[in-house]
Amino acid sequence: MSIQKESRGSLQQQAIAIVVVLLFVGLGIWMLLSRAPFGGPRVHDFGLVSFEEPPHRLQHIFELTNEGSVPIQIVKSKSTCGCTQATVSGEIVQPGEVLDVPVSLRLDRSGDKEGVVTIFFDTGGSIDLTVRARGLPTRTLRLTPDIVRLRPPLGIGTTRLRMESAETPPMPSVTVPDLLTVSVAPWKQVGFAEEESGIHPSWMSTVTVKAEGEWPLAGQKIQFLFPDGDHVEVTVNPPLMIAPPQPFENPKPLADP
């Protein structure tokens, strides 16, 4: 009886071992089939990029060669964030041909920024293209967003002042149109300094705009002026873009009876 049990247990172990081996083999075959055979650099570092003010856009063209033996078609692309985009056209890349993939990166503040774009192919494979940079804007004062839409029924809207500064930024003087009131909250530190790269801490202040009873004219502007002369402005209730009217086609005249 014990011999039969040992034999049965040995057979079960062998069966499990065979299943595990087959799973690994199948996984390896799937990875080989799904891998897109494209050669070429897949990472680009722009390095330290100085620019006047955000947002600042960079672009790099990846050159990828189809090193396989069959044509491969681009299906779609997907990015890890809205700061990175790839331009793909669904083209078919023949063996030996080069695929150019422009990839853009948007810099919004100082510091490191990285984005990854995944390109998918009709073979089921995909590749990741990575772009990174370290931003260093020379002018960091900005309003996000730079428009405010007052929400009924109270007629209130908000935006945010942002700045990078070694010390707490000063409060601005505000030029406000009629029928509006503006309150600027104290600055809050929302980012830290990087001494090695000369990046200062990030600061943010919430701005609240409110209508005084009557609704203000569309497109009014509020200006924020700082002691060093730097300034930004926000537009209140900009006119909505309306599609141009379609040409009117005159109906055909009725035929005489």
Protein backbone atom coordinates (compact mmCIF):
# COMPACT_ATOMS: atom_id res chain seq x y z
CA MET A 1 0.00 0.00 0.00
CA SER A 2 2.79 2.42 0.90
CA ILE A 3 4.55 1.68 -2.40
CA GLN A 4 1.40 2.61 -4.34
CA LYS A 5 1.04 5.85 -2.38
CA GLU A 6 4.66 6.77 -3.02
CA SER A 7 4.26 5.96 -6.71
CA ARG A 8 1.09 8.04 -6.96
CA GLY A 9 2.77 10.96 -5.17
CA SER A 10 5.76 10.75 -7.49
CA LEU A 11 3.49 10.87 -10.55
CA GLN A 12 1.69 13.93 -9.20
CA GLN A 13 5.00 15.73 -8.61
CA GLN A 14 6.14 14.89 -12.14
CA ALA A 15 2.84 16.16 -13.57
CA ILE A 16 3.17 19.41 -11.65
CA ALA A 17 6.75 19.81 -12.82
CA ILE A 18 5.71 19.27 -16.46
CA VAL A 19 2.90 21.85 -16.14
CA VAL A 20 5.31 24.41 -14.65
CA VAL A 21 7.83 23.82 -17.45
CA LEU A 22 5.12 24.18 -20.10
CA LEU A 23 3.93 27.44 -18.51
CA PHE A 24 7.43 28.89 -18.58
CA VAL A 25 7.96 27.77 -22.17
CA GLY A 26 4.61 29.23 -23.23
CA LEU A 27 5.39 32.49 -21.47
CA GLY A 28 8.74 32.70 -23.21
CA ILE A 29 7.19 32.06 -26.62
CA TRP A 30 4.49 34.67 -25.95
CA MET A 31 7.09 37.25 -24.97
CA LEU A 32 9.12 36.55 -28.11
CA LEU A 33 6.06 36.80 -30.34
CA SER A 34 4.68 39.92 -28.68
CA ARG A 35 7.97 41.81 -28.63
CA ALA A 36 8.19 44.34 -31.43
CA PRO A 37 11.58 43.83 -33.15
CA PHE A 38 12.52 47.50 -33.29
CA GLY A 39 16.09 48.59 -32.71
CA GLY A 40 17.31 52.02 -31.67
CA PRO A 41 17.58 54.23 -28.57
CA ARG A 42 14.39 54.34 -26.51
CA VAL A 43 15.42 56.91 -23.89
CA HIS A 44 16.30 60.57 -24.46
CA ASP A 45 17.48 63.00 -21.79
CA PHE A 46 17.27 66.69 -22.71
CA GLY A 47 19.41 67.54 -19.68
CA LEU A 48 19.11 70.94 -18.00
CA VAL A 49 16.72 73.13 -20.00
CA SER A 50 16.48 76.84 -19.25
CA PHE A 51 13.41 78.67 -20.55
CA GLU A 52 11.70 82.01 -19.96
CA GLU A 53 8.42 80.85 -18.45
CA PRO A 54 6.22 77.76 -18.33
CA PRO A 55 4.75 75.92 -20.04
CA HIS A 56 7.73 75.05 -22.24
CA ARG A 57 7.56 72.23 -24.80
CA LEU A 58 10.40 70.03 -26.00
CA GLN A 59 10.40 67.46 -28.78
CA HIS A 60 12.66 64.56 -29.71
CA ILE A 61 12.33 62.23 -32.72
CA PHE A 62 13.08 58.60 -31.93
CA GLU A 63 14.46 56.65 -34.90
CA LEU A 64 13.49 52.98 -34.65
CA THR A 65 14.46 50.34 -37.22
CA ASN A 66 12.28 47.33 -37.97
CA GLU A 67 14.83 44.55 -37.50
CA GLY A 68 12.27 41.79 -38.05
CA SER A 69 11.35 39.93 -41.21
CA VAL A 70 7.71 41.01 -41.50
CA PRO A 71 5.96 44.40 -41.88
CA ILE A 72 4.67 45.93 -38.63
CA GLN A 73 1.84 48.43 -38.36
CA ILE A 74 1.44 51.04 -35.64
CA VAL A 75 -1.91 50.68 -33.86
CA LYS A 76 -1.93 53.43 -31.22
CA SER A 77 0.10 55.22 -28.56
CA LYS A 78 -0.51 55.80 -24.86
CA SER A 79 1.31 58.17 -22.50
CA THR A 80 1.77 58.09 -18.74
CA CYS A 81 0.70 61.73 -18.33
CA GLY A 82 -0.68 64.70 -20.21
CA CYS A 83 2.80 66.22 -20.27
CA THR A 84 4.00 63.67 -22.86
CA GLN A 85 2.60 62.95 -26.31
CA ALA A 86 3.68 60.97 -29.34
CA THR A 87 2.75 61.59 -32.97
CA VAL A 88 1.85 58.33 -34.69
CA SER A 89 0.03 57.87 -37.99
CA GLY A 90 -0.81 54.16 -38.24
CA GLU A 91 1.81 53.61 -40.91
CA ILE A 92 3.21 50.21 -41.87
CA VAL A 93 6.96 49.78 -41.33
CA GLN A 94 8.63 47.35 -43.71
CA PRO A 95 11.62 45.21 -42.64
CA GLY A 96 14.74 47.35 -42.57
CA GLU A 97 12.80 50.62 -42.67
CA VAL A 98 13.15 53.36 -40.06
CA LEU A 99 10.17 54.56 -38.03
CA ASP A 100 10.34 58.20 -36.86
CA VAL A 101 8.32 58.83 -33.68
CA PRO A 102 8.20 62.48 -32.49
CA VAL A 103 7.67 62.60 -28.71
CA SER A 104 7.02 65.88 -26.85
CA LEU A 105 7.56 66.77 -23.20
CA ARG A 106 5.93 69.76 -21.47
CA LEU A 107 7.80 71.49 -18.64
CA ASP A 108 5.60 73.37 -16.16
CA ARG A 109 8.05 74.18 -13.35
CA SER A 110 11.59 73.76 -12.12
CA GLY A 111 12.93 70.30 -11.39
CA ASP A 112 12.99 66.88 -12.98
CA LYS A 113 10.27 65.77 -15.40
CA GLU A 114 9.90 62.39 -17.07
CA GLY A 115 7.27 60.92 -19.34
CA VAL A 116 6.83 57.54 -21.01
CA VAL A 117 4.96 56.85 -24.25
CA THR A 118 4.00 53.29 -25.17
CA ILE A 119 3.67 52.46 -28.88
CA PHE A 120 1.46 49.46 -29.70
CA PHE A 121 1.74 47.34 -32.85
CA ASP A 122 -0.55 44.97 -34.75
CA THR A 123 1.66 42.03 -33.72
CA GLY A 124 0.52 42.49 -30.12
CA GLY A 125 3.89 43.88 -29.10
CA SER A 126 4.73 47.31 -27.73
CA ILE A 127 7.73 49.46 -26.83
CA ASP A 128 8.23 52.24 -24.29
CA LEU A 129 9.85 55.55 -25.27
CA THR A 130 11.07 57.71 -22.39
CA VAL A 131 11.88 61.43 -22.40
CA ARG A 132 13.16 63.36 -19.40
CA ALA A 133 14.52 66.81 -18.62
CA ARG A 134 15.33 69.13 -15.75
CA GLY A 135 13.53 72.42 -16.13
CA LEU A 136 14.91 75.77 -15.02
CA PRO A 137 12.56 78.66 -15.88
CA THR A 138 13.95 82.17 -15.58
CA ARG A 139 10.45 83.54 -14.82
CA THR A 140 8.35 81.41 -12.50
CA LEU A 141 5.40 83.69 -11.70
CA ARG A 142 2.20 82.42 -13.29
CA LEU A 143 -1.55 82.03 -12.84
CA THR A 144 -3.12 78.59 -13.22
CA PRO A 145 -5.55 78.82 -14.84
CA ASP A 146 -5.28 82.28 -16.41
CA ILE A 147 -9.04 82.50 -16.85
CA VAL A 148 -11.80 82.50 -14.21
CA ARG A 149 -15.40 81.64 -14.88
CA LEU A 150 -17.78 82.86 -12.18
CA ARG A 151 -20.18 80.13 -11.14
CA PRO A 152 -23.82 80.98 -10.47
CA PRO A 153 -25.71 81.64 -8.31
CA LEU A 154 -23.05 83.26 -6.06
CA GLY A 155 -20.80 84.41 -8.89
CA ILE A 156 -17.56 83.01 -7.43
CA GLY A 157 -14.49 81.62 -9.19
CA THR A 158 -10.92 80.75 -8.19
CA THR A 159 -7.43 80.54 -9.63
CA ARG A 160 -3.92 80.16 -8.18
CA LEU A 161 -0.82 82.31 -8.16
CA ARG A 162 2.39 80.25 -8.35
CA MET A 163 6.00 81.30 -7.92
CA GLU A 164 9.42 79.92 -7.04
CA SER A 165 11.34 81.96 -4.50
CA ALA A 166 14.05 81.48 -1.88
CA GLU A 167 11.83 83.33 0.62
CA THR A 168 8.11 83.79 1.10
CA PRO A 169 6.98 85.93 -1.86
CA PRO A 170 5.49 89.37 -1.22
CA MET A 171 1.79 89.98 -1.63
CA PRO A 172 0.87 91.67 -4.91
CA SER A 173 -1.13 94.80 -5.47
CA VAL A 174 -4.31 93.99 -7.39
CA THR A 175 -6.08 96.04 -10.05
CA VAL A 176 -9.74 95.04 -9.98
CA PRO A 177 -12.48 96.13 -12.45
CA ASP A 178 -15.85 97.39 -11.27
CA LEU A 179 -18.43 94.89 -9.99
CA LEU A 180 -15.72 92.47 -8.82
CA THR A 181 -13.93 91.77 -5.52
CA VAL A 182 -10.70 89.78 -5.22
CA SER A 183 -9.12 88.13 -2.19
CA VAL A 184 -5.58 86.72 -2.23
CA ALA A 185 -4.78 84.06 0.37
CA PRO A 186 -1.37 83.95 2.13
CA TRP A 187 1.38 82.06 0.33
CA LYS A 188 1.85 78.35 1.06
CA GLN A 189 5.03 76.43 0.30
CA VAL A 190 4.20 73.49 -1.99
CA GLY A 191 7.67 72.44 -3.20
CA PHE A 192 11.19 72.22 -1.83
CA ALA A 193 14.51 73.67 -2.91
CA GLU A 194 17.26 71.79 -4.75
CA GLU A 195 20.46 73.59 -3.84
CA GLU A 196 22.69 71.68 -6.27
CA SER A 197 20.66 72.78 -9.30
CA GLY A 198 19.73 76.23 -7.97
CA ILE A 199 16.00 75.48 -7.80
CA HIS A 200 14.06 77.51 -5.22
CA PRO A 201 11.02 76.34 -3.22
CA SER A 202 7.62 76.55 -4.91
CA TRP A 203 4.86 78.72 -3.47
CA MET A 204 1.12 78.95 -4.14
CA SER A 205 -1.63 81.40 -3.26
CA THR A 206 -5.34 80.88 -3.92
CA VAL A 207 -7.16 83.79 -5.53
CA THR A 208 -10.93 84.10 -5.14
CA VAL A 209 -12.95 86.32 -7.48
CA LYS A 210 -16.54 87.29 -6.70
CA ALA A 211 -19.16 89.36 -8.48
CA GLU A 212 -20.69 92.21 -6.49
CA GLY A 213 -24.38 91.80 -7.09
CA GLU A 214 -24.49 92.59 -10.79
CA TRP A 215 -22.77 90.37 -13.33
CA PRO A 216 -19.55 91.93 -14.73
CA LEU A 217 -18.88 92.40 -18.41
CA ALA A 218 -17.38 89.38 -20.16
CA GLY A 219 -13.61 89.51 -20.67
CA GLN A 220 -12.71 91.80 -17.75
CA LYS A 221 -9.07 91.48 -16.65
CA ILE A 222 -7.59 91.48 -13.14
CA GLN A 223 -3.90 92.37 -12.82
CA PHE A 224 -1.49 91.30 -10.07
CA LEU A 225 1.59 93.51 -9.73
CA PHE A 226 4.63 92.63 -7.59
CA PRO A 227 7.23 95.02 -6.10
CA ASP A 228 9.92 93.94 -8.61
CA GLY A 229 7.64 94.94 -11.50
CA ASP A 230 6.67 91.43 -12.48
CA HIS A 231 2.97 91.00 -13.17
CA VAL A 232 0.32 88.57 -14.42
CA GLU A 233 -3.34 88.95 -15.25
CA VAL A 234 -6.43 86.78 -15.30
CA THR A 235 -9.44 87.09 -17.61
CA VAL A 236 -12.89 86.84 -16.05
CA ASN A 237 -15.68 85.14 -18.01
CA PRO A 238 -14.05 85.23 -21.45
CA PRO A 239 -16.59 85.08 -24.27
CA LEU A 240 -17.37 81.52 -25.32
CA MET A 241 -16.24 80.44 -28.75
CA ILE A 242 -19.28 79.96 -30.93
CA ALA A 243 -19.11 78.05 -34.19
CA PRO A 244 -19.78 80.26 -37.24
CA PRO A 245 -23.26 79.89 -38.67
CA GLN A 246 -23.61 77.48 -41.55
CA PRO A 247 -24.57 78.99 -44.91
CA PHE A 248 -28.30 78.91 -45.52
CA GLU A 249 -29.38 77.02 -48.59
CA ASN A 250 -32.41 78.52 -50.31
CA PRO A 251 -35.06 75.92 -51.03
CA LYS A 252 -35.72 75.12 -54.63
CA PRO A 253 -38.69 77.05 -56.03
CA LEU A 254 -41.83 75.04 -56.46
CA ALA A 255 -42.63 74.08 -60.00
CA ASP A 256 -45.58 75.85 -61.58
CA PRO A 257 -48.69 73.70 -61.57
